[in-house]
Amino acid sequence: MKMARQFPLNAMRVFDATARHASFTRAGEELGMTQTAVSYQIKLLEDLVGEPLFLRRPRQVVLTEIGQRLAPKVAEAFAILGDAFASVLEDAEGTLVISSTYTIASKWLAPHLGSFHLQNPAVAVRLLTDQRLVDFSREAVDVAIRYGDGNWPGLACHRMMELTFTPMLSPKLADSVGGIERPEDLLKLPIFDPTDPWWALWFAEAGVPGVDLGDRPHTYLGTQTLEADTVMGGHGIAMLNPEFYVHEVALGRLYQPFDIACTDGKAHWLVYPESRRNVPKIKLFRNWLRSELPTFVD
C-alpha cells in the first residue's frame, strides 16, 4: 500500500498519455476523462515529484526537462506491465504476428516457415504483408521485417540479410533487340520504375555513370514480385534481387545479362519493440532466424 501511495499508477497513466499527445484534451479523449480530471492527475504527480512536468502553453503542453526524463521510463514501465499481463492471458506462446514486405514474405519467409512450425508447433503464425512501416504502438504486430539501415530508435534491430540487385528481363525480350551485349543496350527497352535509385548505382558500377532516366515513363508496380512477374511476361526490364530468382533463371523465364550485382549498403532487418525482447514467442522466432540465416546478426 505504501508503494501505491508513493507511485500513483492512475496519475502516471494520465502522464504517459499527455506526454504522447502533448495535450490534456487528447489525453482525456484517449482515457475517457475530462480535461479537468487530466489536469488534476498531472497536478498530483507534480506535487509528488516536487517539480512541474509540463509547461502550459496555448493549445499545447510541453514536457519540462524533468518530464522528458520521466516520460520514456513511464512508457517503458507500462509496456512491461502490458507484456506481463499479455503473457498470462495468451494461450501457451500464443500467435506470432509478423509484418513484412510482400517480396521478402513470398520469396523467402513463406517457403521457410514450415521449419519454424515443425520446431515450434504451439506457436501460430499470422503473416501480414505491407510496404509501409508498421506502428508497433498502434497495431497488433509482434515483429516486422524491414528494409533499411537498421536505425529505428526504440526498436531492437537484427540484421538478417543483405541482398544484391541487378537488371533482369525475359530471354525473349533480350532477343527482340538482338541481345544484350553492353549495359547501354538496356536503354533500348522499357524500364520499370526508372526513379528507383538502384538504377543509377548499377549503371555507375557497370561503367556507365550519369545515365538519365528522367524522361522515361514512371511505371511503378509497388513490389518487386509484381515487377518480376511483369518482366517474365516480356514487358520490360526491372532491377531485381537475383538471390530470389535463381529458380526462374534456371527455367529460362528470367535472364540476367550481366554478372554485375550491387548493394546500397542496406539490408533486411528483424525489428520489434526493445521492451518486448524477452517475450517467449519473439525469442523463439529470433532464435529460429538465427539458425536459418548464417548472416543473422544479434
Protein backbone atom coordinates (compact mmCIF):
# COMPACT_ATOMS: atom_id res chain seq x y z
CA MET A 1 0.00 0.00 0.00
CA LYS A 2 2.87 2.33 0.76
CA MET A 3 4.26 1.84 -2.77
CA ALA A 4 0.83 2.55 -4.28
CA ARG A 5 0.65 5.91 -2.42
CA GLN A 6 4.17 6.86 -3.48
CA PHE A 7 3.68 5.91 -7.14
CA PRO A 8 0.04 6.65 -8.16
CA LEU A 9 -0.48 4.41 -11.19
CA ASN A 10 -3.54 6.28 -12.44
CA ALA A 11 -1.69 9.59 -12.42
CA MET A 12 1.25 8.02 -14.25
CA ARG A 13 -1.13 6.56 -16.84
CA VAL A 14 -2.52 10.07 -17.40
CA PHE A 15 1.03 11.48 -17.57
CA ASP A 16 2.01 8.89 -20.21
CA ALA A 17 -0.98 9.74 -22.42
CA THR A 18 -0.44 13.50 -22.02
CA ALA A 19 3.26 13.18 -22.87
CA ARG A 20 2.44 11.24 -26.04
CA HIS A 21 -0.28 13.63 -27.21
CA ALA A 22 1.21 16.90 -25.87
CA SER A 23 -2.36 17.78 -24.98
CA PHE A 24 -4.60 17.44 -21.90
CA THR A 25 -7.65 17.31 -24.17
CA ARG A 26 -6.42 14.49 -26.40
CA ALA A 27 -5.12 12.56 -23.40
CA GLY A 28 -8.58 12.83 -21.86
CA GLU A 29 -10.17 11.59 -25.09
CA GLU A 30 -7.90 8.54 -25.07
CA LEU A 31 -8.58 7.75 -21.42
CA GLY A 32 -12.26 8.72 -21.28
CA MET A 33 -11.60 11.58 -18.85
CA THR A 34 -12.41 15.29 -18.79
CA GLN A 35 -9.65 17.82 -19.30
CA THR A 36 -10.14 18.93 -15.70
CA ALA A 37 -9.63 15.38 -14.44
CA VAL A 38 -6.47 15.04 -16.53
CA SER A 39 -5.12 18.31 -15.16
CA TYR A 40 -5.87 17.17 -11.60
CA GLN A 41 -3.98 13.88 -12.03
CA ILE A 42 -0.98 15.70 -13.53
CA LYS A 43 -1.01 18.11 -10.55
CA LEU A 44 -0.97 15.14 -8.14
CA LEU A 45 2.10 13.77 -9.86
CA GLU A 46 3.82 17.15 -9.97
CA ASP A 47 3.19 17.57 -6.22
CA LEU A 48 4.75 14.15 -5.64
CA VAL A 49 7.80 14.94 -7.79
CA GLY A 50 8.12 18.46 -6.46
CA GLU A 51 8.70 19.87 -9.94
CA PRO A 52 6.48 20.84 -12.90
CA LEU A 53 6.31 18.14 -15.55
CA PHE A 54 4.74 20.27 -18.29
CA LEU A 55 4.92 23.84 -19.50
CA ARG A 56 1.36 25.03 -20.13
CA ARG A 57 1.10 26.89 -23.44
CA PRO A 58 -1.92 27.90 -25.55
CA ARG A 59 -3.40 24.78 -27.18
CA GLN A 60 -0.37 22.69 -26.23
CA VAL A 61 1.61 21.42 -23.27
CA VAL A 62 5.34 20.77 -23.49
CA LEU A 63 7.40 18.46 -21.32
CA THR A 64 9.86 20.13 -18.97
CA GLU A 65 13.36 18.71 -18.58
CA ILE A 66 12.13 16.59 -15.65
CA GLY A 67 9.15 15.46 -17.72
CA GLN A 68 11.40 14.49 -20.61
CA ARG A 69 13.47 12.31 -18.28
CA LEU A 70 10.40 10.68 -16.78
CA ALA A 71 8.26 10.09 -19.91
CA PRO A 72 10.29 7.30 -21.62
CA LYS A 73 10.70 5.43 -18.32
CA VAL A 74 6.97 5.57 -17.61
CA ALA A 75 6.17 4.43 -21.16
CA GLU A 76 8.61 1.54 -20.81
CA ALA A 77 7.11 0.57 -17.45
CA PHE A 78 3.61 0.41 -18.88
CA ALA A 79 4.90 -1.62 -21.82
CA ILE A 80 6.47 -4.10 -19.40
CA LEU A 81 3.21 -4.30 -17.42
CA GLY A 82 1.29 -4.84 -20.66
CA ASP A 83 3.61 -7.63 -21.72
CA ALA A 84 3.32 -9.25 -18.30
CA PHE A 85 -0.47 -9.37 -18.46
CA ALA A 86 -0.41 -10.42 -22.12
CA SER A 87 1.86 -13.35 -21.32
CA VAL A 88 -0.58 -14.52 -18.64
CA LEU A 89 -3.62 -14.20 -20.90
CA GLU A 90 -2.13 -15.78 -24.02
CA ASP A 91 -2.68 -19.46 -24.73
CA ALA A 92 0.80 -21.02 -24.35
CA GLU A 93 3.13 -18.97 -26.57
CA GLY A 94 0.14 -17.54 -28.50
CA THR A 95 0.02 -16.23 -32.05
CA LEU A 96 3.06 -14.54 -33.57
CA VAL A 97 2.01 -11.67 -35.86
CA ILE A 98 4.66 -10.82 -38.46
CA SER A 99 4.60 -7.77 -40.73
CA SER A 100 6.74 -7.96 -43.86
CA THR A 101 7.06 -6.54 -47.33
CA TYR A 102 5.42 -8.77 -49.92
CA THR A 103 8.64 -9.68 -51.71
CA ILE A 104 10.58 -10.95 -48.69
CA ALA A 105 7.42 -12.67 -47.41
CA SER A 106 6.77 -14.55 -50.65
CA LYS A 107 10.34 -15.22 -51.80
CA TRP A 108 11.98 -16.16 -48.50
CA LEU A 109 9.80 -16.19 -45.40
CA ALA A 110 6.82 -18.24 -46.60
CA PRO A 111 8.96 -21.02 -48.15
CA HIS A 112 10.90 -21.36 -44.87
CA LEU A 113 8.12 -21.02 -42.29
CA GLY A 114 7.40 -24.75 -42.40
CA SER A 115 10.55 -25.47 -40.40
CA PHE A 116 9.52 -22.88 -37.79
CA HIS A 117 6.18 -24.68 -37.35
CA LEU A 118 7.94 -28.03 -37.00
CA GLN A 119 10.23 -26.68 -34.30
CA ASN A 120 7.52 -24.66 -32.53
CA PRO A 121 4.16 -26.39 -33.04
CA ALA A 122 2.49 -24.44 -30.22
CA VAL A 123 3.06 -21.08 -31.93
CA ALA A 124 0.55 -20.00 -34.56
CA VAL A 125 1.78 -17.52 -37.17
CA ARG A 126 -0.12 -14.71 -38.83
CA LEU A 127 1.78 -13.11 -41.71
CA LEU A 128 0.78 -9.61 -42.85
CA THR A 129 2.26 -8.08 -45.99
CA ASP A 130 2.55 -4.33 -46.35
CA GLN A 131 5.01 -1.88 -47.90
CA ARG A 132 4.65 0.70 -45.14
CA LEU A 133 6.43 0.72 -41.79
CA VAL A 134 4.21 -0.76 -39.11
CA ASP A 135 3.50 1.34 -35.99
CA PHE A 136 4.06 -1.04 -33.09
CA SER A 137 2.43 1.37 -30.63
CA ARG A 138 -0.87 1.29 -32.52
CA GLU A 139 -1.01 -2.06 -34.31
CA ALA A 140 -1.23 -5.63 -33.04
CA VAL A 141 2.04 -6.74 -34.60
CA ASP A 142 4.78 -8.62 -32.75
CA VAL A 143 7.71 -8.37 -35.18
CA ALA A 144 8.40 -6.85 -38.58
CA ILE A 145 10.90 -7.38 -41.36
CA ARG A 146 12.06 -4.02 -42.68
CA TYR A 147 14.49 -2.92 -45.36
CA GLY A 148 16.83 -0.11 -44.44
CA ASP A 149 19.88 0.90 -42.44
CA GLY A 150 18.72 -0.51 -39.10
CA ASN A 151 18.36 2.91 -37.48
CA TRP A 152 14.91 2.81 -35.88
CA PRO A 153 15.03 4.30 -32.36
CA GLY A 154 13.18 2.31 -29.71
CA LEU A 155 13.33 -0.91 -31.72
CA ALA A 156 15.59 -3.92 -31.34
CA CYS A 157 17.12 -4.48 -34.79
CA HIS A 158 18.76 -7.68 -36.05
CA ARG A 159 20.40 -7.71 -39.47
CA MET A 160 19.02 -10.66 -41.46
CA MET A 161 20.42 -10.46 -44.95
CA GLU A 162 21.93 -8.04 -47.44
CA LEU A 163 20.73 -8.57 -50.98
CA THR A 164 22.29 -7.56 -54.27
CA PHE A 165 20.43 -6.11 -57.23
CA THR A 166 20.92 -6.34 -60.98
CA PRO A 167 18.81 -5.77 -64.13
CA MET A 168 16.77 -8.78 -65.25
CA LEU A 169 14.45 -9.38 -68.19
CA SER A 170 12.94 -12.19 -70.20
CA PRO A 171 15.18 -14.02 -72.72
CA LYS A 172 12.57 -13.32 -75.42
CA LEU A 173 12.73 -9.56 -74.83
CA ALA A 174 16.54 -9.63 -74.92
CA ASP A 175 16.41 -11.45 -78.29
CA SER A 176 13.99 -8.82 -79.67
CA VAL A 177 16.79 -6.23 -79.72
CA GLY A 178 19.49 -8.59 -80.92
CA GLY A 179 20.70 -9.50 -77.45
CA ILE A 180 22.11 -7.51 -74.56
CA GLU A 181 25.86 -7.20 -75.03
CA ARG A 182 26.63 -3.91 -73.26
CA PRO A 183 24.94 -2.12 -70.34
CA GLU A 184 23.87 0.62 -72.76
CA ASP A 185 21.75 -1.95 -74.63
CA LEU A 186 19.36 -1.97 -71.69
CA LEU A 187 18.36 1.59 -72.59
CA LYS A 188 16.70 0.28 -75.75
CA LEU A 189 13.96 -1.33 -73.68
CA PRO A 190 11.20 -0.22 -71.28
CA ILE A 191 12.44 0.13 -67.70
CA PHE A 192 10.22 -0.44 -64.72
CA ASP A 193 10.44 2.24 -62.04
CA PRO A 194 13.17 4.41 -63.58
CA THR A 195 13.01 6.58 -60.42
CA ASP A 196 14.49 3.74 -58.37
CA PRO A 197 17.97 4.89 -57.17
CA TRP A 198 19.22 1.34 -57.74
CA TRP A 199 19.41 2.09 -61.49
CA ALA A 200 21.90 4.92 -61.08
CA LEU A 201 24.00 2.83 -58.69
CA TRP A 202 24.07 -0.14 -61.03
CA PHE A 203 24.89 1.83 -64.19
CA ALA A 204 27.73 3.60 -62.36
CA GLU A 205 29.11 0.24 -61.23
CA ALA A 206 28.79 -1.02 -64.81
CA GLY A 207 30.92 1.86 -66.07
CA VAL A 208 28.08 3.99 -67.44
CA PRO A 209 27.77 6.85 -64.92
CA GLY A 210 25.34 9.72 -65.29
CA VAL A 211 22.57 7.79 -67.05
CA ASP A 212 19.46 9.98 -67.05
CA LEU A 213 16.18 8.07 -66.90
CA GLY A 214 14.14 11.14 -66.04
CA ASP A 215 12.30 11.21 -69.37
CA ARG A 216 11.13 7.60 -69.03
CA PRO A 217 7.50 6.82 -68.12
CA HIS A 218 7.37 6.44 -64.33
CA THR A 219 5.91 2.95 -64.27
CA TYR A 220 5.74 1.84 -60.65
CA LEU A 221 4.23 -1.51 -59.67
CA GLY A 222 4.72 -1.31 -55.91
CA THR A 223 6.52 -4.57 -55.22
CA GLN A 224 9.49 -6.39 -56.70
CA THR A 225 7.37 -9.53 -57.07
CA LEU A 226 4.92 -7.74 -59.38
CA GLU A 227 7.81 -6.29 -61.36
CA ALA A 228 9.34 -9.74 -61.78
CA ASP A 229 6.02 -11.19 -62.95
CA THR A 230 5.64 -8.39 -65.50
CA VAL A 231 9.23 -8.81 -66.68
CA MET A 232 8.71 -12.54 -67.18
CA GLY A 233 5.81 -11.60 -69.45
CA GLY A 234 8.30 -9.83 -71.72
CA HIS A 235 7.17 -6.26 -71.00
CA GLY A 236 10.39 -4.60 -69.84
CA ILE A 237 13.42 -4.68 -67.53
CA ALA A 238 13.37 -4.49 -63.74
CA MET A 239 16.04 -4.20 -61.07
CA LEU A 240 15.68 -7.40 -59.04
CA ASN A 241 17.44 -9.34 -56.30
CA PRO A 242 18.93 -12.33 -58.18
CA GLU A 243 19.08 -14.36 -54.93
CA PHE A 244 15.28 -14.56 -55.07
CA TYR A 245 15.02 -15.66 -58.71
CA VAL A 246 17.53 -18.48 -59.13
CA HIS A 247 14.73 -20.91 -59.99
CA GLU A 248 13.21 -18.61 -62.62
CA VAL A 249 16.61 -18.10 -64.25
CA ALA A 250 17.22 -21.87 -64.32
CA LEU A 251 13.85 -22.39 -66.04
CA GLY A 252 14.63 -19.75 -68.66
CA ARG A 253 11.85 -17.42 -67.51
CA LEU A 254 14.28 -14.69 -66.46
CA TYR A 255 17.62 -13.63 -67.88
CA GLN A 256 20.45 -11.86 -66.04
CA PRO A 257 22.58 -10.37 -68.82
CA PHE A 258 25.48 -9.21 -66.59
CA ASP A 259 27.31 -10.62 -63.60
CA ILE A 260 27.47 -7.13 -62.13
CA ALA A 261 25.41 -7.02 -58.93
CA CYS A 262 25.37 -4.10 -56.49
CA THR A 263 24.32 -3.29 -52.96
CA ASP A 264 23.24 0.03 -51.49
CA GLY A 265 24.54 -0.73 -48.00
CA LYS A 266 21.08 -1.50 -46.66
CA ALA A 267 19.67 -4.84 -45.57
CA HIS A 268 16.57 -6.67 -44.34
CA TRP A 269 16.17 -6.47 -40.57
CA LEU A 270 14.08 -8.21 -37.95
CA VAL A 271 12.66 -5.48 -35.69
CA TYR A 272 10.39 -5.31 -32.65
CA PRO A 273 9.99 -3.01 -29.63
CA GLU A 274 13.02 -3.20 -27.37
CA SER A 275 10.74 -3.68 -24.37
CA ARG A 276 9.43 -6.97 -25.88
CA ARG A 277 12.81 -8.59 -26.42
CA ASN A 278 12.10 -11.37 -23.91
CA VAL A 279 8.56 -12.26 -24.97
CA PRO A 280 8.72 -16.06 -25.48
CA LYS A 281 7.26 -16.21 -28.99
CA ILE A 282 9.57 -13.42 -30.19
CA LYS A 283 12.58 -15.20 -28.69
CA LEU A 284 11.57 -18.41 -30.49
CA PHE A 285 11.25 -16.61 -33.84
CA ARG A 286 14.54 -14.75 -33.36
CA ASN A 287 16.37 -17.97 -32.48
CA TRP A 288 14.85 -19.73 -35.49
CA LEU A 289 16.00 -16.97 -37.86
CA ARG A 290 19.46 -17.18 -36.37
CA SER A 291 19.57 -20.91 -37.19
CA GLU A 292 18.26 -20.37 -40.73
CA LEU A 293 20.43 -17.43 -41.72
CA PRO A 294 24.23 -17.52 -41.38
CA THR A 295 24.17 -13.75 -41.93
CA PHE A 296 21.85 -13.08 -38.97
CA VAL A 297 23.38 -10.59 -36.54
CA ASP A 298 22.18 -10.13 -32.94
